[in-house]
């Protein structure tokens, strides 16, 4: 990490802005942490949440790689965690029953990041076309957008489960642009994961923007614009 200048030039001429969902618009880590802590109230919350988020990430990556089904990647998280907590080996029925309760707790904790609604509204008022490209199950991701109150602002949704390809594969970004009837150069994509989101989008010809809420020093060789809050986004986009 260094304090080297970042690529922060304005992005002119955008006709559409598409967003990542989990970690960008919706506080997925906060919701998952709240749900798992409520599920095991006798466990120390910090290591429990940290381990659960690790298991979520690895299982989702295996699902996106085609190694696990959507149901299997959910089961493997809790089966692994239960074993690590000394709760024995859970069969599929027990895991599925637990997951059903967890999903309800997780969904009840879905909230937008505080810096999401305002900039999305500001961009909509400019007449830009807005939407989401997300790795995940289409039904659940649509429900998240509804729950956090952004469905009217973000009517366009492209998901890995419907396209059969996942970020950072350039194809999912190309599919999204084709669905809008726009050239990739006319579309900006914003996400919280540097390689998966910003660089993945850039590899498909979009203007990829990295949302880095850690606000730490920029890494060496940063080749995409970085913002530390979505509040900075409208100022980055010029007519």
Protein backbone atom coordinates (compact mmCIF):
# COMPACT_ATOMS: atom_id res chain seq x y z
CA UNK A 1 0.00 0.00 0.00
CA UNK A 2 1.20 3.50 -0.80
CA UNK A 3 -0.03 7.03 -0.93
CA UNK A 4 0.45 7.17 -4.70
CA UNK A 5 -2.08 9.17 -6.73
CA UNK A 6 -5.17 7.24 -7.70
CA UNK A 7 -6.98 7.23 -11.06
CA UNK A 8 -9.75 9.65 -10.14
CA UNK A 9 -10.44 11.35 -13.46
CA UNK A 10 -14.08 12.16 -14.07
CA UNK A 11 -16.09 9.64 -16.08
CA UNK A 12 -17.92 11.62 -18.77
CA UNK A 13 -20.78 10.55 -20.96
CA UNK A 14 -22.20 7.71 -18.91
CA UNK A 15 -25.70 6.66 -19.96
CA UNK A 16 -26.19 3.96 -17.32
CA UNK A 17 -24.81 3.08 -13.89
CA UNK A 18 -25.01 -0.49 -12.63
CA UNK A 19 -24.18 -1.57 -9.10
CA UNK A 20 -23.07 -4.63 -7.20
CA UNK A 21 -25.60 -5.47 -4.47
CA UNK A 22 -24.12 -7.24 -1.42
CA UNK A 23 -21.43 -5.12 0.20
CA UNK A 24 -22.17 -2.15 -2.05
CA UNK A 25 -25.83 -1.23 -1.65
CA UNK A 26 -26.88 -3.76 1.00
CA UNK A 27 -24.94 -4.40 4.20
CA UNK A 28 -24.68 -8.16 3.71
CA UNK A 29 -21.95 -8.67 6.33
CA UNK A 30 -23.94 -6.77 8.93
CA UNK A 31 -27.11 -8.75 8.23
CA UNK A 32 -25.32 -12.10 8.18
CA UNK A 33 -23.46 -11.25 11.38
CA UNK A 34 -26.65 -10.24 13.15
CA UNK A 35 -28.40 -13.44 12.03
CA UNK A 36 -25.63 -15.84 13.03
CA UNK A 37 -25.07 -14.15 16.40
CA UNK A 38 -28.79 -14.52 17.18
CA UNK A 39 -28.61 -18.17 16.13
CA UNK A 40 -25.87 -19.01 18.66
CA UNK A 41 -26.30 -16.51 21.51
CA UNK A 42 -24.00 -18.44 23.87
CA UNK A 43 -21.00 -18.14 21.54
CA UNK A 44 -18.57 -15.22 21.55
CA UNK A 45 -19.95 -13.07 18.74
CA UNK A 46 -16.79 -11.71 17.11
CA UNK A 47 -15.04 -15.01 16.26
CA UNK A 48 -18.41 -16.59 15.44
CA UNK A 49 -19.32 -13.87 12.95
CA UNK A 50 -15.83 -13.83 11.45
CA UNK A 51 -15.87 -17.60 10.89
CA UNK A 52 -19.41 -17.55 9.50
CA UNK A 53 -18.55 -14.88 6.96
CA UNK A 54 -15.54 -16.94 5.87
CA UNK A 55 -17.76 -19.98 5.38
CA UNK A 56 -20.32 -17.93 3.46
CA UNK A 57 -17.66 -16.58 1.10
CA UNK A 58 -16.04 -19.93 0.39
CA UNK A 59 -19.34 -21.76 -0.11
CA UNK A 60 -20.70 -19.07 -2.43
CA UNK A 61 -17.49 -19.15 -4.46
CA UNK A 62 -17.91 -22.92 -4.88
CA UNK A 63 -21.55 -22.42 -5.89
CA UNK A 64 -20.56 -19.83 -8.50
CA UNK A 65 -17.88 -22.20 -9.80
CA UNK A 66 -20.54 -24.88 -10.30
CA UNK A 67 -19.17 -27.18 -7.59
CA UNK A 68 -22.26 -26.92 -5.36
CA UNK A 69 -25.95 -26.27 -5.88
CA UNK A 70 -27.57 -23.29 -4.19
CA UNK A 71 -29.02 -25.57 -1.48
CA UNK A 72 -25.73 -27.43 -1.01
CA UNK A 73 -23.69 -24.28 -0.51
CA UNK A 74 -26.10 -23.24 2.23
CA UNK A 75 -25.93 -26.62 3.94
CA UNK A 76 -22.16 -26.91 3.91
CA UNK A 77 -21.80 -23.67 5.88
CA UNK A 78 -23.83 -24.79 8.86
CA UNK A 79 -22.65 -28.41 8.74
CA UNK A 80 -19.07 -27.17 8.96
CA UNK A 81 -19.82 -24.61 11.65
CA UNK A 82 -21.83 -27.07 13.76
CA UNK A 83 -18.95 -29.54 13.66
CA UNK A 84 -16.47 -26.83 14.67
CA UNK A 85 -18.73 -25.79 17.57
CA UNK A 86 -18.84 -29.37 18.83
CA UNK A 87 -22.46 -29.93 17.85
CA UNK A 88 -21.84 -33.11 15.90
CA UNK A 89 -22.47 -34.04 12.29
CA UNK A 90 -25.74 -32.66 10.96
CA UNK A 91 -27.64 -34.43 8.21
CA UNK A 92 -29.32 -32.57 5.34
CA UNK A 93 -32.72 -32.43 7.05
CA UNK A 94 -31.34 -30.82 10.18
CA UNK A 95 -29.18 -28.43 8.18
CA UNK A 96 -32.11 -27.39 5.97
CA UNK A 97 -34.35 -26.80 8.98
CA UNK A 98 -31.70 -24.60 10.59
CA UNK A 99 -31.10 -22.71 7.35
CA UNK A 100 -34.81 -21.89 7.07
CA UNK A 101 -34.69 -20.09 10.41
CA UNK A 102 -31.39 -18.42 9.64
CA UNK A 103 -32.67 -17.08 6.32
CA UNK A 104 -35.61 -15.45 8.09
CA UNK A 105 -33.27 -13.76 10.57
CA UNK A 106 -30.90 -12.73 7.79
CA UNK A 107 -33.71 -11.26 5.69
CA UNK A 108 -35.12 -9.32 8.61
CA UNK A 109 -31.70 -7.64 8.98
CA UNK A 110 -31.38 -6.49 5.35
CA UNK A 111 -30.62 -2.78 5.30
CA UNK A 112 -29.06 -0.41 2.79
CA UNK A 113 -25.77 1.23 3.59
CA UNK A 114 -26.44 4.80 4.74
CA UNK A 115 -24.60 6.18 1.70
CA UNK A 116 -26.67 4.21 -0.85
CA UNK A 117 -30.15 5.78 -1.20
CA UNK A 118 -29.09 9.39 -1.71
CA UNK A 119 -26.60 8.91 -4.56
CA UNK A 120 -28.88 6.40 -6.30
CA UNK A 121 -31.70 8.95 -6.19
CA UNK A 122 -29.38 11.71 -7.45
CA UNK A 123 -28.29 9.62 -10.43
CA UNK A 124 -31.88 8.66 -11.23
CA UNK A 125 -32.83 12.33 -11.26
CA UNK A 126 -30.16 12.93 -13.89
CA UNK A 127 -31.98 10.51 -16.15
CA UNK A 128 -29.33 7.80 -16.04
CA UNK A 129 -30.48 4.22 -16.43
CA UNK A 130 -29.77 2.31 -13.24
CA UNK A 131 -29.62 -1.32 -12.22
CA UNK A 132 -27.73 -4.16 -10.55
CA UNK A 133 -25.40 -6.94 -11.65
CA UNK A 134 -25.04 -9.50 -8.88
CA UNK A 135 -23.67 -12.97 -8.29
CA UNK A 136 -26.44 -14.90 -6.61
CA UNK A 137 -29.93 -16.35 -6.74
CA UNK A 138 -32.28 -14.12 -8.73
CA UNK A 139 -35.24 -14.51 -6.38
CA UNK A 140 -33.30 -13.67 -3.25
CA UNK A 141 -31.49 -10.75 -4.87
CA UNK A 142 -34.74 -9.23 -6.15
CA UNK A 143 -36.18 -9.56 -2.65
CA UNK A 144 -33.17 -7.74 -1.21
CA UNK A 145 -33.57 -4.80 -3.59
CA UNK A 146 -37.24 -4.57 -2.68
CA UNK A 147 -36.57 -4.78 1.05
CA UNK A 148 -34.00 -1.99 1.08
CA UNK A 149 -36.36 0.31 -0.80
CA UNK A 150 -34.43 0.68 -4.05
CA UNK A 151 -36.55 -1.37 -6.46
CA UNK A 152 -38.13 1.67 -8.09
CA UNK A 153 -34.73 3.29 -8.62
CA UNK A 154 -33.00 0.11 -9.78
CA UNK A 155 -35.43 -1.61 -12.15
CA UNK A 156 -32.80 -3.50 -14.15
CA UNK A 157 -31.33 -6.67 -12.63
CA UNK A 158 -28.86 -9.17 -14.06
CA UNK A 159 -27.95 -12.18 -11.91
CA UNK A 160 -25.48 -15.02 -12.25
CA UNK A 161 -28.23 -17.57 -11.65
CA UNK A 162 -30.15 -16.36 -14.71
CA UNK A 163 -27.24 -15.71 -17.06
CA UNK A 164 -25.20 -18.79 -16.20
CA UNK A 165 -22.06 -16.72 -15.79
CA UNK A 166 -20.68 -14.88 -12.77
CA UNK A 167 -18.47 -11.90 -12.07
CA UNK A 168 -15.62 -11.36 -12.82
CA UNK A 169 -16.29 -13.16 -16.10
CA UNK A 170 -16.64 -10.38 -18.70
CA UNK A 171 -19.63 -12.18 -20.20
CA UNK A 172 -22.06 -11.21 -17.42
CA UNK A 173 -21.16 -7.56 -17.95
CA UNK A 174 -21.62 -7.91 -21.71
CA UNK A 175 -25.01 -9.51 -21.18
CA UNK A 176 -26.03 -6.62 -18.95
CA UNK A 177 -24.99 -4.00 -21.52
CA UNK A 178 -26.73 -5.87 -24.32
CA UNK A 179 -29.93 -5.98 -22.27
CA UNK A 180 -29.79 -2.20 -21.95
CA UNK A 181 -29.03 -1.80 -25.63
CA UNK A 182 -25.90 0.18 -24.75
CA UNK A 183 -22.24 -0.09 -25.65
CA UNK A 184 -20.01 -1.10 -22.75
CA UNK A 185 -18.19 2.25 -22.95
CA UNK A 186 -21.45 4.00 -22.02
CA UNK A 187 -21.93 2.03 -18.79
CA UNK A 188 -20.35 2.51 -15.35
CA UNK A 189 -20.19 -0.35 -12.87
CA UNK A 190 -19.64 0.17 -9.14
CA UNK A 191 -18.75 -2.54 -6.63
CA UNK A 192 -16.89 -3.17 -3.40
CA UNK A 193 -14.57 -5.92 -4.66
CA UNK A 194 -11.62 -4.63 -6.66
CA UNK A 195 -10.95 -7.67 -8.83
CA UNK A 196 -14.43 -9.16 -9.03
CA UNK A 197 -16.33 -5.91 -9.55
CA UNK A 198 -14.26 -2.97 -10.76
CA UNK A 199 -11.59 -4.82 -12.70
CA UNK A 200 -14.07 -7.42 -13.91
CA UNK A 201 -16.21 -4.67 -15.38
CA UNK A 202 -13.21 -2.90 -16.88
CA UNK A 203 -12.14 -6.12 -18.61
CA UNK A 204 -15.49 -6.08 -20.44
CA UNK A 205 -15.08 -2.47 -21.54
CA UNK A 206 -17.21 -0.78 -18.89
CA UNK A 207 -15.93 1.96 -16.61
CA UNK A 208 -15.30 0.01 -13.42
CA UNK A 209 -15.34 1.92 -10.13
CA UNK A 210 -14.09 0.39 -6.88
CA UNK A 211 -16.02 1.27 -3.73
CA UNK A 212 -13.48 0.91 -0.91
CA UNK A 213 -15.20 1.89 2.33
CA UNK A 214 -12.08 0.95 4.30
CA UNK A 215 -10.68 4.30 3.13
CA UNK A 216 -7.14 2.99 3.62
CA UNK A 217 -4.18 3.79 1.37
CA UNK A 218 -4.65 2.85 -2.27
CA UNK A 219 -2.81 -0.28 -3.42
CA UNK A 220 0.11 -0.01 -5.82
CA UNK A 221 -0.86 -0.18 -9.46
CA UNK A 222 -4.48 0.77 -8.95
CA UNK A 223 -5.91 0.96 -12.45
CA UNK A 224 -9.56 1.89 -11.80
CA UNK A 225 -11.14 4.87 -10.04
CA UNK A 226 -11.61 4.37 -6.30
CA UNK A 227 -14.25 5.99 -4.10
CA UNK A 228 -14.58 5.53 -0.35
CA UNK A 229 -18.29 6.33 -0.20
CA UNK A 230 -21.13 6.22 -2.69
CA UNK A 231 -21.61 9.89 -1.87
CA UNK A 232 -18.59 10.52 -4.10
CA UNK A 233 -20.11 8.80 -7.12
CA UNK A 234 -22.30 11.58 -8.54
CA UNK A 235 -19.30 13.92 -8.55
CA UNK A 236 -17.23 11.35 -10.45
CA UNK A 237 -19.77 11.17 -13.26
CA UNK A 238 -19.88 14.20 -15.51
CA UNK A 239 -22.35 14.91 -18.34
